[in-house]
Amino acid sequence: MKTNYSLRPAQARDVPALVGLIEELAEFEGLSHMLSLTAEKLHRHLFGDKPVVEALIGEIDGEVVGFALFFTNFSTFLGKPGLYLEDLYVRSAHRGSGLGKGLLTRLAQIALERDYGRFEWSVLDWNEDAIGFYERMGATVLPDWRICRISGAALEKFRG
């Protein structure tokens, strides 16, 4: 099913809707217990004095039903910045509408417009639907790389 959708950069008024979609994403991934996001935190990092993240909003019939949250990283090997997609989510009722592909396509355009060297993201190994979708779009799932993370109490301990 293809539907007419619109894409636009997030605005401050979208923060509550974004938080709601992120809560849905956390539930979908079984990670709600890790969620400590608030509207205030998200607003500060999207629109504060030193924004560190950007977001695209996907709308169908004027309703916010999807988003992509991304930021700039850097490739030392390429000597160029890159675009890193932190999260992409489309409400289940609107999957198959073309919105997910539209969000990814727009992010690829942004990466090229900004002369970035690559566009990357991670996918959970159990999410076969997403993996297949990304591969059909031409993405390579890198089998030899693993994400390393230190957060919370472990981060506090690590700093010494």
N, C-alpha and C. Protein backbone atom coordinates (compact mmCIF):
# COMPACT_ATOMS: atom_id res chain seq x y z
N MET A 1 0.84 -1.18 0.00
CA MET A 1 0.00 0.00 0.00
C MET A 1 0.88 1.24 0.00
N LYS A 2 0.72 2.06 -0.99
CA LYS A 2 1.43 3.34 -1.06
C LYS A 2 0.46 4.44 -0.64
N THR A 3 0.97 5.36 0.15
CA THR A 3 0.16 6.45 0.67
C THR A 3 0.90 7.76 0.42
N ASN A 4 0.17 8.83 0.31
CA ASN A 4 0.81 10.13 0.23
C ASN A 4 1.29 10.52 1.62
N TYR A 5 2.55 10.85 1.70
CA TYR A 5 3.14 11.28 2.97
C TYR A 5 3.95 12.53 2.71
N SER A 6 4.29 13.22 3.77
CA SER A 6 5.17 14.39 3.65
C SER A 6 6.30 14.26 4.65
N LEU A 7 7.44 14.79 4.28
CA LEU A 7 8.63 14.80 5.12
C LEU A 7 9.05 16.24 5.35
N ARG A 8 9.53 16.50 6.56
CA ARG A 8 10.02 17.84 6.86
C ARG A 8 10.96 17.77 8.06
N PRO A 9 11.82 18.77 8.21
CA PRO A 9 12.65 18.82 9.42
C PRO A 9 11.76 19.01 10.64
N ALA A 10 12.16 18.42 11.75
CA ALA A 10 11.41 18.58 12.99
C ALA A 10 11.44 20.04 13.44
N GLN A 11 10.37 20.44 14.07
CA GLN A 11 10.26 21.76 14.68
C GLN A 11 10.00 21.57 16.17
N ALA A 12 10.21 22.62 16.94
CA ALA A 12 10.05 22.52 18.40
C ALA A 12 8.67 21.97 18.77
N ARG A 13 7.66 22.32 18.02
CA ARG A 13 6.30 21.85 18.33
C ARG A 13 6.14 20.34 18.16
N ASP A 14 7.09 19.68 17.49
CA ASP A 14 7.02 18.24 17.25
C ASP A 14 7.58 17.41 18.40
N VAL A 15 8.22 18.04 19.37
CA VAL A 15 8.89 17.28 20.43
C VAL A 15 7.95 16.32 21.15
N PRO A 16 6.75 16.74 21.58
CA PRO A 16 5.88 15.76 22.25
C PRO A 16 5.54 14.56 21.36
N ALA A 17 5.27 14.78 20.09
CA ALA A 17 4.97 13.67 19.18
C ALA A 17 6.19 12.77 19.01
N LEU A 18 7.36 13.37 18.92
CA LEU A 18 8.59 12.58 18.80
C LEU A 18 8.80 11.70 20.03
N VAL A 19 8.60 12.27 21.20
CA VAL A 19 8.75 11.49 22.43
C VAL A 19 7.77 10.32 22.42
N GLY A 20 6.54 10.55 22.00
CA GLY A 20 5.56 9.48 21.92
C GLY A 20 5.99 8.37 20.96
N LEU A 21 6.52 8.75 19.81
CA LEU A 21 6.99 7.75 18.84
C LEU A 21 8.21 7.00 19.37
N ILE A 22 9.08 7.69 20.07
CA ILE A 22 10.26 7.04 20.65
C ILE A 22 9.83 6.04 21.73
N GLU A 23 8.80 6.40 22.49
CA GLU A 23 8.26 5.46 23.48
C GLU A 23 7.70 4.21 22.78
N GLU A 24 7.02 4.39 21.66
CA GLU A 24 6.50 3.25 20.89
C GLU A 24 7.65 2.39 20.37
N LEU A 25 8.71 3.04 19.89
CA LEU A 25 9.88 2.32 19.38
C LEU A 25 10.51 1.50 20.50
N ALA A 26 10.66 2.09 21.67
CA ALA A 26 11.25 1.37 22.81
C ALA A 26 10.41 0.15 23.16
N GLU A 27 9.10 0.30 23.12
CA GLU A 27 8.21 -0.83 23.40
C GLU A 27 8.37 -1.91 22.34
N PHE A 28 8.40 -1.51 21.07
CA PHE A 28 8.57 -2.46 19.96
C PHE A 28 9.86 -3.26 20.12
N GLU A 29 10.93 -2.59 20.56
CA GLU A 29 12.23 -3.24 20.69
C GLU A 29 12.39 -3.96 22.04
N GLY A 30 11.38 -3.87 22.90
CA GLY A 30 11.47 -4.49 24.22
C GLY A 30 12.45 -3.79 25.13
N LEU A 31 12.62 -2.48 24.93
CA LEU A 31 13.62 -1.72 25.69
C LEU A 31 13.01 -0.58 26.49
N SER A 32 11.73 -0.64 26.76
CA SER A 32 11.08 0.45 27.52
C SER A 32 11.73 0.68 28.87
N HIS A 33 12.25 -0.37 29.47
CA HIS A 33 12.90 -0.25 30.79
C HIS A 33 14.15 0.63 30.75
N MET A 34 14.71 0.85 29.56
CA MET A 34 15.92 1.67 29.43
C MET A 34 15.60 3.13 29.12
N LEU A 35 14.37 3.43 28.82
CA LEU A 35 13.99 4.76 28.34
C LEU A 35 13.95 5.76 29.49
N SER A 36 14.75 6.82 29.37
CA SER A 36 14.71 7.92 30.34
C SER A 36 14.55 9.26 29.63
N LEU A 37 14.16 9.22 28.38
CA LEU A 37 13.96 10.41 27.58
C LEU A 37 12.78 11.23 28.11
N THR A 38 12.96 12.55 28.12
CA THR A 38 11.87 13.47 28.42
C THR A 38 11.79 14.48 27.29
N ALA A 39 10.67 15.17 27.21
CA ALA A 39 10.52 16.21 26.20
C ALA A 39 11.57 17.30 26.40
N GLU A 40 11.88 17.61 27.63
CA GLU A 40 12.87 18.65 27.91
C GLU A 40 14.25 18.25 27.40
N LYS A 41 14.65 17.01 27.66
CA LYS A 41 15.95 16.54 27.18
C LYS A 41 16.01 16.59 25.65
N LEU A 42 14.98 16.05 25.02
CA LEU A 42 14.98 16.00 23.56
C LEU A 42 15.00 17.40 22.97
N HIS A 43 14.19 18.29 23.52
CA HIS A 43 14.15 19.67 23.03
C HIS A 43 15.54 20.32 23.12
N ARG A 44 16.21 20.14 24.25
CA ARG A 44 17.54 20.74 24.44
C ARG A 44 18.52 20.25 23.39
N HIS A 45 18.47 18.95 23.09
CA HIS A 45 19.46 18.39 22.15
C HIS A 45 19.10 18.61 20.69
N LEU A 46 17.83 18.87 20.41
CA LEU A 46 17.41 19.20 19.04
C LEU A 46 17.49 20.70 18.75
N PHE A 47 17.11 21.51 19.75
CA PHE A 47 16.91 22.94 19.48
C PHE A 47 17.61 23.88 20.46
N GLY A 48 18.42 23.36 21.38
CA GLY A 48 19.09 24.18 22.37
C GLY A 48 20.25 24.97 21.78
N ASP A 49 21.07 25.51 22.67
CA ASP A 49 22.22 26.33 22.25
C ASP A 49 23.23 25.56 21.42
N LYS A 50 23.41 24.28 21.73
CA LYS A 50 24.36 23.43 21.00
C LYS A 50 23.66 22.15 20.56
N PRO A 51 22.83 22.22 19.52
CA PRO A 51 22.13 21.01 19.07
C PRO A 51 23.13 19.93 18.66
N VAL A 52 22.84 18.70 19.02
CA VAL A 52 23.72 17.58 18.68
C VAL A 52 23.02 16.54 17.82
N VAL A 53 21.75 16.76 17.54
CA VAL A 53 20.98 15.79 16.79
C VAL A 53 19.95 16.53 15.94
N GLU A 54 19.52 15.89 14.86
CA GLU A 54 18.49 16.44 13.98
C GLU A 54 17.41 15.38 13.82
N ALA A 55 16.25 15.79 13.36
CA ALA A 55 15.19 14.83 13.11
C ALA A 55 14.38 15.23 11.89
N LEU A 56 13.93 14.22 11.18
CA LEU A 56 12.95 14.39 10.12
C LEU A 56 11.63 13.84 10.63
N ILE A 57 10.57 14.50 10.24
CA ILE A 57 9.22 14.10 10.62
C ILE A 57 8.52 13.56 9.39
N GLY A 58 7.83 12.44 9.55
CA GLY A 58 7.00 11.90 8.49
C GLY A 58 5.53 12.03 8.89
N GLU A 59 4.75 12.64 8.00
CA GLU A 59 3.33 12.85 8.28
C GLU A 59 2.48 12.19 7.20
N ILE A 60 1.33 11.67 7.63
CA ILE A 60 0.30 11.19 6.73
C ILE A 60 -1.00 11.84 7.18
N ASP A 61 -1.67 12.50 6.25
CA ASP A 61 -2.92 13.21 6.56
C ASP A 61 -2.76 14.16 7.74
N GLY A 62 -1.61 14.84 7.80
CA GLY A 62 -1.36 15.83 8.84
C GLY A 62 -0.99 15.27 10.19
N GLU A 63 -0.91 13.94 10.32
CA GLU A 63 -0.55 13.31 11.59
C GLU A 63 0.90 12.84 11.55
N VAL A 64 1.65 13.12 12.60
CA VAL A 64 3.03 12.65 12.72
C VAL A 64 3.00 11.15 13.01
N VAL A 65 3.48 10.35 12.05
CA VAL A 65 3.42 8.89 12.20
C VAL A 65 4.79 8.22 12.06
N GLY A 66 5.83 9.02 11.85
CA GLY A 66 7.16 8.45 11.72
C GLY A 66 8.22 9.51 11.89
N PHE A 67 9.44 9.04 12.13
CA PHE A 67 10.55 9.98 12.29
C PHE A 67 11.86 9.28 11.99
N ALA A 68 12.87 10.09 11.75
CA ALA A 68 14.26 9.64 11.67
C ALA A 68 15.07 10.64 12.49
N LEU A 69 15.85 10.13 13.44
CA LEU A 69 16.69 10.96 14.28
C LEU A 69 18.13 10.65 13.93
N PHE A 70 18.93 11.68 13.61
CA PHE A 70 20.27 11.45 13.08
C PHE A 70 21.24 12.52 13.55
N PHE A 71 22.52 12.21 13.39
CA PHE A 71 23.57 13.16 13.76
C PHE A 71 24.79 12.94 12.89
N THR A 72 25.74 13.84 12.99
CA THR A 72 26.97 13.77 12.23
C THR A 72 28.02 12.99 13.01
N ASN A 73 28.67 12.06 12.32
CA ASN A 73 29.85 11.41 12.89
C ASN A 73 31.03 11.71 11.95
N PHE A 74 32.13 11.01 12.12
CA PHE A 74 33.30 11.29 11.29
C PHE A 74 34.04 9.99 10.97
N SER A 75 34.45 9.86 9.72
CA SER A 75 35.26 8.72 9.30
C SER A 75 36.71 9.16 9.16
N THR A 76 37.57 8.61 10.01
CA THR A 76 38.99 8.94 9.89
C THR A 76 39.57 8.37 8.60
N PHE A 77 39.08 7.22 8.16
CA PHE A 77 39.60 6.61 6.94
C PHE A 77 39.23 7.43 5.71
N LEU A 78 38.00 7.94 5.65
CA LEU A 78 37.57 8.75 4.51
C LEU A 78 37.99 10.21 4.66
N GLY A 79 38.25 10.63 5.89
CA GLY A 79 38.58 12.03 6.13
C GLY A 79 37.38 12.93 5.89
N LYS A 80 36.17 12.40 6.17
CA LYS A 80 34.94 13.14 5.93
C LYS A 80 33.93 12.85 7.03
N PRO A 81 33.02 13.80 7.22
CA PRO A 81 31.91 13.50 8.12
C PRO A 81 31.00 12.45 7.49
N GLY A 82 30.16 11.89 8.33
CA GLY A 82 29.15 10.95 7.87
C GLY A 82 27.84 11.24 8.58
N LEU A 83 26.79 10.65 8.07
CA LEU A 83 25.47 10.78 8.68
C LEU A 83 25.17 9.47 9.39
N TYR A 84 24.86 9.55 10.67
CA TYR A 84 24.51 8.36 11.44
C TYR A 84 23.05 8.43 11.84
N LEU A 85 22.29 7.45 11.41
CA LEU A 85 20.88 7.34 11.75
C LEU A 85 20.76 6.62 13.08
N GLU A 86 20.34 7.33 14.11
CA GLU A 86 20.19 6.72 15.43
C GLU A 86 18.91 5.90 15.50
N ASP A 87 17.81 6.46 15.05
CA ASP A 87 16.55 5.74 15.09
C ASP A 87 15.66 6.15 13.93
N LEU A 88 14.96 5.17 13.39
CA LEU A 88 13.93 5.39 12.39
C LEU A 88 12.73 4.56 12.85
N TYR A 89 11.56 5.19 12.82
CA TYR A 89 10.36 4.48 13.27
C TYR A 89 9.16 4.98 12.48
N VAL A 90 8.36 4.04 12.05
CA VAL A 90 7.08 4.33 11.42
C VAL A 90 6.03 3.49 12.14
N ARG A 91 4.96 4.12 12.55
CA ARG A 91 3.89 3.38 13.24
C ARG A 91 3.45 2.20 12.39
N SER A 92 3.15 1.10 13.06
CA SER A 92 2.84 -0.16 12.36
C SER A 92 1.70 0.00 11.35
N ALA A 93 0.72 0.81 11.65
CA ALA A 93 -0.41 0.99 10.74
C ALA A 93 0.01 1.65 9.42
N HIS A 94 1.19 2.27 9.41
CA HIS A 94 1.64 3.00 8.22
C HIS A 94 2.85 2.37 7.56
N ARG A 95 3.25 1.20 8.04
CA ARG A 95 4.34 0.49 7.37
C ARG A 95 3.81 -0.02 6.04
N GLY A 96 4.62 0.07 5.01
CA GLY A 96 4.17 -0.28 3.67
C GLY A 96 3.66 0.93 2.90
N SER A 97 3.62 2.08 3.56
CA SER A 97 3.14 3.31 2.91
C SER A 97 4.20 3.97 2.05
N GLY A 98 5.44 3.52 2.19
CA GLY A 98 6.55 4.17 1.49
C GLY A 98 7.25 5.19 2.36
N LEU A 99 6.71 5.47 3.54
CA LEU A 99 7.29 6.50 4.41
C LEU A 99 8.69 6.11 4.89
N GLY A 100 8.89 4.86 5.31
CA GLY A 100 10.21 4.44 5.76
C GLY A 100 11.26 4.61 4.67
N LYS A 101 10.92 4.15 3.47
CA LYS A 101 11.85 4.32 2.34
C LYS A 101 12.06 5.80 2.05
N GLY A 102 11.00 6.59 2.16
CA GLY A 102 11.13 8.02 1.92
C GLY A 102 12.06 8.69 2.92
N LEU A 103 11.96 8.30 4.19
CA LEU A 103 12.86 8.86 5.21
C LEU A 103 14.31 8.49 4.90
N LEU A 104 14.56 7.22 4.57
CA LEU A 104 15.92 6.80 4.26
C LEU A 104 16.46 7.49 3.02
N THR A 105 15.62 7.63 2.01
CA THR A 105 16.04 8.30 0.78
C THR A 105 16.40 9.75 1.05
N ARG A 106 15.57 10.43 1.86
CA ARG A 106 15.86 11.83 2.19
C ARG A 106 17.15 11.95 2.97
N LEU A 107 17.42 11.02 3.88
CA LEU A 107 18.68 11.05 4.63
C LEU A 107 19.87 10.85 3.70
N ALA A 108 19.75 9.96 2.72
CA ALA A 108 20.82 9.77 1.73
C ALA A 108 21.05 11.06 0.96
N GLN A 109 19.97 11.74 0.59
CA GLN A 109 20.10 13.02 -0.11
C GLN A 109 20.82 14.04 0.76
N ILE A 110 20.47 14.11 2.04
CA ILE A 110 21.12 15.04 2.96
C ILE A 110 22.61 14.74 3.05
N ALA A 111 22.96 13.46 3.17
CA ALA A 111 24.37 13.08 3.25
C ALA A 111 25.12 13.54 2.00
N LEU A 112 24.52 13.37 0.84
CA LEU A 112 25.18 13.80 -0.40
C LEU A 112 25.23 15.32 -0.51
N GLU A 113 24.16 16.00 -0.15
CA GLU A 113 24.15 17.47 -0.19
C GLU A 113 25.23 18.06 0.70
N ARG A 114 25.52 17.41 1.81
CA ARG A 114 26.52 17.90 2.77
C ARG A 114 27.92 17.36 2.48
N ASP A 115 28.07 16.61 1.40
CA ASP A 115 29.34 16.01 1.01
C ASP A 115 29.89 15.07 2.08
N TYR A 116 29.01 14.32 2.70
CA TYR A 116 29.41 13.32 3.68
C TYR A 116 29.91 12.09 2.95
N GLY A 117 30.78 11.33 3.62
CA GLY A 117 31.37 10.15 3.00
C GLY A 117 30.54 8.90 3.11
N ARG A 118 29.61 8.86 4.07
CA ARG A 118 28.78 7.67 4.21
C ARG A 118 27.55 7.95 5.07
N PHE A 119 26.65 6.99 5.01
CA PHE A 119 25.39 7.02 5.74
C PHE A 119 25.27 5.65 6.41
N GLU A 120 25.21 5.65 7.76
CA GLU A 120 25.24 4.40 8.51
C GLU A 120 24.14 4.35 9.56
N TRP A 121 23.83 3.12 9.96
CA TRP A 121 22.92 2.89 11.08
C TRP A 121 23.11 1.46 11.55
N SER A 122 22.49 1.15 12.68
CA SER A 122 22.53 -0.21 13.22
C SER A 122 21.13 -0.80 13.15
N VAL A 123 21.07 -2.12 13.16
CA VAL A 123 19.79 -2.82 13.17
C VAL A 123 19.93 -4.00 14.12
N LEU A 124 18.88 -4.24 14.90
CA LEU A 124 18.89 -5.38 15.81
C LEU A 124 18.90 -6.68 15.01
N ASP A 125 19.71 -7.64 15.45
CA ASP A 125 19.88 -8.88 14.67
C ASP A 125 18.60 -9.70 14.55
N TRP A 126 17.64 -9.51 15.44
CA TRP A 126 16.39 -10.26 15.37
C TRP A 126 15.35 -9.61 14.46
N ASN A 127 15.61 -8.39 14.02
CA ASN A 127 14.62 -7.65 13.23
C ASN A 127 14.77 -7.99 11.74
N GLU A 128 14.39 -9.20 11.39
CA GLU A 128 14.56 -9.70 10.01
C GLU A 128 13.82 -8.85 8.98
N ASP A 129 12.64 -8.33 9.35
CA ASP A 129 11.90 -7.47 8.42
C ASP A 129 12.72 -6.24 8.05
N ALA A 130 13.30 -5.59 9.07
CA ALA A 130 14.10 -4.39 8.82
C ALA A 130 15.36 -4.74 8.04
N ILE A 131 16.02 -5.82 8.40
CA ILE A 131 17.25 -6.21 7.69
C ILE A 131 16.95 -6.44 6.21
N GLY A 132 15.89 -7.16 5.92
CA GLY A 132 15.51 -7.40 4.53
C GLY A 132 15.19 -6.11 3.80
N PHE A 133 14.46 -5.22 4.47
CA PHE A 133 14.11 -3.92 3.90
C PHE A 133 15.36 -3.12 3.56
N TYR A 134 16.31 -3.07 4.49
CA TYR A 134 17.54 -2.31 4.26
C TYR A 134 18.36 -2.93 3.13
N GLU A 135 18.45 -4.25 3.10
CA GLU A 135 19.21 -4.90 2.04
C GLU A 135 18.57 -4.67 0.68
N ARG A 136 17.24 -4.70 0.61
CA ARG A 136 16.56 -4.42 -0.67
C ARG A 136 16.82 -3.00 -1.14
N MET A 137 17.07 -2.09 -0.20
CA MET A 137 17.38 -0.71 -0.57
C MET A 137 18.85 -0.52 -0.95
N GLY A 138 19.66 -1.57 -0.82
CA GLY A 138 21.06 -1.49 -1.22
C GLY A 138 22.04 -1.38 -0.07
N ALA A 139 21.58 -1.43 1.17
CA ALA A 139 22.48 -1.34 2.32
C ALA A 139 23.20 -2.67 2.53
N THR A 140 24.40 -2.59 3.04
CA THR A 140 25.18 -3.75 3.41
C THR A 140 25.13 -3.89 4.92
N VAL A 141 24.72 -5.04 5.41
CA VAL A 141 24.76 -5.33 6.84
C VAL A 141 26.14 -5.90 7.12
N LEU A 142 26.93 -5.19 7.91
CA LEU A 142 28.32 -5.57 8.15
C LEU A 142 28.40 -6.68 9.19
N PRO A 143 28.82 -7.88 8.78
CA PRO A 143 28.80 -9.02 9.70
C PRO A 143 29.93 -9.03 10.73
N ASP A 144 31.00 -8.33 10.46
CA ASP A 144 32.19 -8.43 11.31
C ASP A 144 32.28 -7.34 12.38
N TRP A 145 31.34 -6.42 12.42
CA TRP A 145 31.40 -5.30 13.35
C TRP A 145 30.40 -5.50 14.48
N ARG A 146 30.79 -5.15 15.66
CA ARG A 146 29.93 -5.20 16.83
C ARG A 146 29.98 -3.83 17.51
N ILE A 147 28.87 -3.42 18.04
CA ILE A 147 28.78 -2.14 18.75
C ILE A 147 29.30 -2.33 20.17
N CYS A 148 30.15 -1.44 20.61
CA CYS A 148 30.64 -1.43 21.99
C CYS A 148 30.01 -0.25 22.69
N ARG A 149 29.58 -0.47 23.93
CA ARG A 149 28.88 0.60 24.64
C ARG A 149 29.22 0.55 26.12
N ILE A 150 29.45 1.72 26.68
CA ILE A 150 29.57 1.88 28.12
C ILE A 150 28.61 2.98 28.50
N SER A 151 27.71 2.70 29.44
CA SER A 151 26.73 3.70 29.85
C SER A 151 26.38 3.51 31.32
N GLY A 152 25.67 4.49 31.87
CA GLY A 152 25.19 4.40 33.24
C GLY A 152 26.30 4.20 34.25
N ALA A 153 26.08 3.27 35.18
CA ALA A 153 27.04 3.01 36.26
C ALA A 153 28.39 2.55 35.70
N ALA A 154 28.36 1.77 34.62
CA ALA A 154 29.62 1.30 34.03
C ALA A 154 30.44 2.48 33.51
N LEU A 155 29.78 3.48 32.94
CA LEU A 155 30.49 4.67 32.46
C LEU A 155 31.10 5.44 33.64
N GLU A 156 30.32 5.58 34.69
CA GLU A 156 30.84 6.26 35.90
C GLU A 156 32.07 5.53 36.42
N LYS A 157 32.01 4.22 36.50
CA LYS A 157 33.14 3.43 37.00
C LYS A 157 34.34 3.53 36.06
N PHE A 158 34.08 3.52 34.76
CA PHE A 158 35.14 3.54 33.75
C PHE A 158 35.97 4.82 33.81
N ARG A 159 35.32 5.93 34.12
CA ARG A 159 36.08 7.20 34.12
C ARG A 159 37.11 7.25 35.23
N GLY A 160 37.01 6.32 36.19
CA GLY A 160 38.04 6.20 37.23
C GLY A 160 37.85 7.01 38.46
